C-alpha cells in the first residue's frame, strides 16, 4: 500500500494534509498508528466527514520513509 505513495502527487505533514482535505483535493490519507492523537485527531474526523479513505501505517518512521523524507511523518495524503 505504501508503494503508491512513493511516486504519487502527495502532501506530507498534518497541517498541509488537513488543508488539502479541507479543499477537497485528497484521494487517500495515510496515518501513522504511533502518531499522537492530538496531532491526527481532527484530521481523522475531517476524513470521516468527507468520506476520504484512511489507511493506517505501523509507524511515523515507516510513513516518512515511504514519502522519501528523512524524518517521520504522522500524516500523508495522495492528491486527486
N, C-alpha and C. Protein backbone atom coordinates (compact mmCIF):
# COMPACT_ATOMS: atom_id res chain seq x y z
N UNK A 1 0.82 -1.20 0.00
CA UNK A 1 0.00 0.00 0.00
C UNK A 1 0.85 1.26 0.00
N UNK A 2 2.02 1.19 0.63
CA UNK A 2 2.87 2.38 0.69
C UNK A 2 3.59 2.65 -0.63
N UNK A 3 3.65 1.66 -1.53
CA UNK A 3 4.31 1.88 -2.81
C UNK A 3 3.65 2.98 -3.61
N UNK A 4 2.33 3.10 -3.49
CA UNK A 4 1.64 4.14 -4.25
C UNK A 4 2.03 5.54 -3.77
N UNK A 5 2.49 5.67 -2.55
CA UNK A 5 2.92 6.98 -2.03
C UNK A 5 4.24 7.44 -2.65
N UNK A 6 5.11 6.50 -2.97
CA UNK A 6 6.45 6.84 -3.44
C UNK A 6 6.43 7.74 -4.68
N UNK A 7 5.57 7.43 -5.64
CA UNK A 7 5.58 8.16 -6.91
C UNK A 7 4.35 9.05 -7.10
N UNK A 8 3.46 9.05 -6.14
CA UNK A 8 2.21 9.81 -6.29
C UNK A 8 2.42 11.30 -6.02
N UNK A 9 1.48 12.09 -6.50
CA UNK A 9 1.42 13.52 -6.16
C UNK A 9 0.86 13.56 -4.74
N UNK A 10 1.70 14.01 -3.79
CA UNK A 10 1.32 13.87 -2.38
C UNK A 10 1.62 15.13 -1.59
N UNK A 11 1.06 15.15 -0.39
CA UNK A 11 1.35 16.17 0.61
C UNK A 11 1.71 15.42 1.88
N UNK A 12 2.76 15.88 2.57
CA UNK A 12 3.24 15.23 3.77
C UNK A 12 3.13 16.20 4.95
N UNK A 13 2.64 15.71 6.07
CA UNK A 13 2.51 16.53 7.27
C UNK A 13 1.06 16.78 7.62
N UNK A 14 0.79 16.90 8.91
CA UNK A 14 -0.58 17.02 9.39
C UNK A 14 -1.26 18.31 8.94
N UNK A 15 -0.58 19.44 9.09
CA UNK A 15 -1.22 20.72 8.75
C UNK A 15 -1.50 20.83 7.25
N UNK A 16 -0.51 20.49 6.44
CA UNK A 16 -0.70 20.59 4.99
C UNK A 16 -1.75 19.60 4.49
N UNK A 17 -1.75 18.41 5.08
CA UNK A 17 -2.73 17.39 4.69
C UNK A 17 -4.14 17.82 5.07
N UNK A 18 -4.26 18.43 6.25
CA UNK A 18 -5.57 18.92 6.70
C UNK A 18 -6.10 19.97 5.72
N UNK A 19 -5.23 20.91 5.33
CA UNK A 19 -5.64 21.96 4.38
C UNK A 19 -6.07 21.35 3.04
N UNK A 20 -5.32 20.38 2.56
CA UNK A 20 -5.66 19.73 1.30
C UNK A 20 -7.01 19.03 1.39
N UNK A 21 -7.27 18.38 2.53
CA UNK A 21 -8.55 17.69 2.73
C UNK A 21 -9.70 18.70 2.80
N UNK A 22 -9.46 19.82 3.48
CA UNK A 22 -10.49 20.86 3.56
C UNK A 22 -10.86 21.39 2.18
N UNK A 23 -9.87 21.46 1.30
CA UNK A 23 -10.08 21.98 -0.05
C UNK A 23 -10.56 20.93 -1.04
N UNK A 24 -10.80 19.71 -0.57
CA UNK A 24 -11.33 18.66 -1.43
C UNK A 24 -10.33 18.09 -2.41
N UNK A 25 -9.05 18.15 -2.08
CA UNK A 25 -8.00 17.72 -3.01
C UNK A 25 -7.44 16.34 -2.70
N UNK A 26 -7.96 15.65 -1.67
CA UNK A 26 -7.37 14.39 -1.21
C UNK A 26 -8.12 13.18 -1.76
N UNK A 27 -7.35 12.22 -2.29
CA UNK A 27 -7.91 10.96 -2.77
C UNK A 27 -7.81 9.89 -1.69
N UNK A 28 -6.68 9.86 -0.97
CA UNK A 28 -6.47 8.84 0.07
C UNK A 28 -5.53 9.40 1.13
N UNK A 29 -5.79 9.03 2.39
CA UNK A 29 -4.96 9.50 3.50
C UNK A 29 -4.24 8.33 4.15
N UNK A 30 -3.05 8.61 4.66
CA UNK A 30 -2.25 7.64 5.40
C UNK A 30 -1.93 8.25 6.76
N UNK A 31 -2.18 7.50 7.82
CA UNK A 31 -1.93 7.98 9.18
C UNK A 31 -1.08 6.94 9.91
N UNK A 32 -0.03 7.42 10.59
CA UNK A 32 0.83 6.53 11.37
C UNK A 32 0.13 6.15 12.66
N UNK A 33 0.16 4.88 13.00
CA UNK A 33 -0.53 4.40 14.20
C UNK A 33 0.13 4.90 15.48
N UNK A 34 1.41 5.24 15.42
CA UNK A 34 2.09 5.73 16.62
C UNK A 34 2.08 7.26 16.73
N UNK A 35 1.32 7.92 15.87
CA UNK A 35 1.22 9.39 15.92
C UNK A 35 0.35 9.80 17.11
N UNK A 36 0.67 10.94 17.67
CA UNK A 36 -0.07 11.49 18.80
C UNK A 36 -1.50 11.83 18.36
N UNK A 37 -2.46 11.41 19.14
CA UNK A 37 -3.88 11.66 18.80
C UNK A 37 -4.18 13.15 18.72
N UNK A 38 -3.47 13.97 19.48
CA UNK A 38 -3.69 15.43 19.40
C UNK A 38 -3.29 15.97 18.04
N UNK A 39 -2.36 15.30 17.39
CA UNK A 39 -1.89 15.74 16.07
C UNK A 39 -2.83 15.27 14.97
N UNK A 40 -3.32 14.04 15.06
CA UNK A 40 -4.09 13.46 13.96
C UNK A 40 -5.60 13.40 14.21
N UNK A 41 -6.05 13.69 15.41
CA UNK A 41 -7.47 13.54 15.74
C UNK A 41 -8.41 14.35 14.86
N UNK A 42 -8.13 15.63 14.70
CA UNK A 42 -9.01 16.47 13.88
C UNK A 42 -8.93 16.08 12.41
N UNK A 43 -7.76 15.61 11.98
CA UNK A 43 -7.62 15.16 10.59
C UNK A 43 -8.45 13.91 10.33
N UNK A 44 -8.42 12.95 11.27
CA UNK A 44 -9.24 11.74 11.13
C UNK A 44 -10.71 12.10 11.03
N UNK A 45 -11.15 13.00 11.90
CA UNK A 45 -12.55 13.43 11.90
C UNK A 45 -12.93 14.04 10.56
N UNK A 46 -12.07 14.92 10.03
CA UNK A 46 -12.34 15.56 8.74
C UNK A 46 -12.42 14.51 7.62
N UNK A 47 -11.51 13.55 7.63
CA UNK A 47 -11.53 12.49 6.62
C UNK A 47 -12.83 11.70 6.68
N UNK A 48 -13.28 11.37 7.89
CA UNK A 48 -14.53 10.62 8.04
C UNK A 48 -15.72 11.44 7.54
N UNK A 49 -15.72 12.73 7.84
CA UNK A 49 -16.81 13.60 7.38
C UNK A 49 -16.84 13.71 5.86
N UNK A 50 -15.67 13.74 5.24
CA UNK A 50 -15.56 13.93 3.79
C UNK A 50 -15.55 12.62 3.01
N UNK A 51 -15.56 11.50 3.71
CA UNK A 51 -15.55 10.19 3.03
C UNK A 51 -14.20 9.85 2.41
N UNK A 52 -13.13 10.36 2.99
CA UNK A 52 -11.78 10.08 2.49
C UNK A 52 -11.29 8.77 3.11
N UNK A 53 -10.79 7.88 2.28
CA UNK A 53 -10.27 6.60 2.75
C UNK A 53 -9.00 6.82 3.57
N UNK A 54 -8.94 6.18 4.73
CA UNK A 54 -7.75 6.26 5.58
C UNK A 54 -7.10 4.89 5.64
N UNK A 55 -5.79 4.87 5.39
CA UNK A 55 -5.02 3.65 5.59
C UNK A 55 -4.03 3.91 6.71
N UNK A 56 -3.91 2.96 7.62
CA UNK A 56 -3.02 3.12 8.76
C UNK A 56 -1.68 2.45 8.50
N UNK A 57 -0.61 3.13 8.90
CA UNK A 57 0.75 2.66 8.72
C UNK A 57 1.30 2.37 10.12
N UNK A 58 2.17 1.39 10.24
CA UNK A 58 2.68 0.98 11.56
C UNK A 58 3.36 2.10 12.32
N UNK A 59 4.19 2.88 11.65
CA UNK A 59 4.96 3.89 12.39
C UNK A 59 5.17 5.16 11.58
N UNK A 60 5.47 6.23 12.29
CA UNK A 60 5.77 7.50 11.64
C UNK A 60 7.05 7.37 10.81
N UNK A 61 8.00 6.62 11.31
CA UNK A 61 9.26 6.41 10.57
C UNK A 61 8.98 5.73 9.23
N UNK A 62 8.15 4.71 9.25
CA UNK A 62 7.80 3.97 8.03
C UNK A 62 7.08 4.88 7.03
N UNK A 63 6.17 5.71 7.53
CA UNK A 63 5.44 6.62 6.65
C UNK A 63 6.37 7.67 6.06
N UNK A 64 7.27 8.20 6.86
CA UNK A 64 8.24 9.17 6.35
C UNK A 64 9.12 8.57 5.27
N UNK A 65 9.57 7.35 5.49
CA UNK A 65 10.41 6.66 4.51
C UNK A 65 9.65 6.46 3.19
N UNK A 66 8.38 6.09 3.28
CA UNK A 66 7.56 5.89 2.08
C UNK A 66 7.36 7.19 1.31
N UNK A 67 7.46 8.32 2.02
CA UNK A 67 7.29 9.63 1.38
C UNK A 67 8.63 10.22 0.93
N UNK A 68 9.68 9.43 1.05
CA UNK A 68 11.03 9.85 0.65
C UNK A 68 11.54 11.05 1.45
N UNK A 69 11.24 11.06 2.76
CA UNK A 69 11.80 12.10 3.63
C UNK A 69 12.61 11.41 4.73
N UNK A 70 13.54 12.14 5.31
CA UNK A 70 14.46 11.56 6.29
C UNK A 70 13.93 11.55 7.72
N UNK A 71 12.75 12.09 7.93
CA UNK A 71 12.15 12.12 9.26
C UNK A 71 10.80 11.42 9.23
N UNK A 72 10.26 11.13 10.40
CA UNK A 72 8.95 10.50 10.46
C UNK A 72 7.84 11.48 10.11
N UNK A 73 6.70 10.92 9.74
CA UNK A 73 5.53 11.75 9.42
C UNK A 73 4.30 11.11 10.03
N UNK A 74 3.46 11.93 10.65
CA UNK A 74 2.22 11.44 11.25
C UNK A 74 1.17 11.19 10.18
N UNK A 75 1.16 12.07 9.15
CA UNK A 75 0.11 12.03 8.13
C UNK A 75 0.72 12.30 6.76
N UNK A 76 0.16 11.65 5.76
CA UNK A 76 0.47 11.95 4.36
C UNK A 76 -0.78 11.66 3.55
N UNK A 77 -0.95 12.39 2.46
CA UNK A 77 -2.12 12.17 1.60
C UNK A 77 -1.71 12.11 0.13
N UNK A 78 -2.48 11.36 -0.63
CA UNK A 78 -2.34 11.36 -2.08
C UNK A 78 -3.39 12.30 -2.63
N UNK A 79 -2.96 13.20 -3.50
CA UNK A 79 -3.87 14.19 -4.06
C UNK A 79 -4.60 13.65 -5.28
N UNK A 80 -5.75 14.23 -5.53
CA UNK A 80 -6.56 13.85 -6.70
C UNK A 80 -5.88 14.32 -7.97
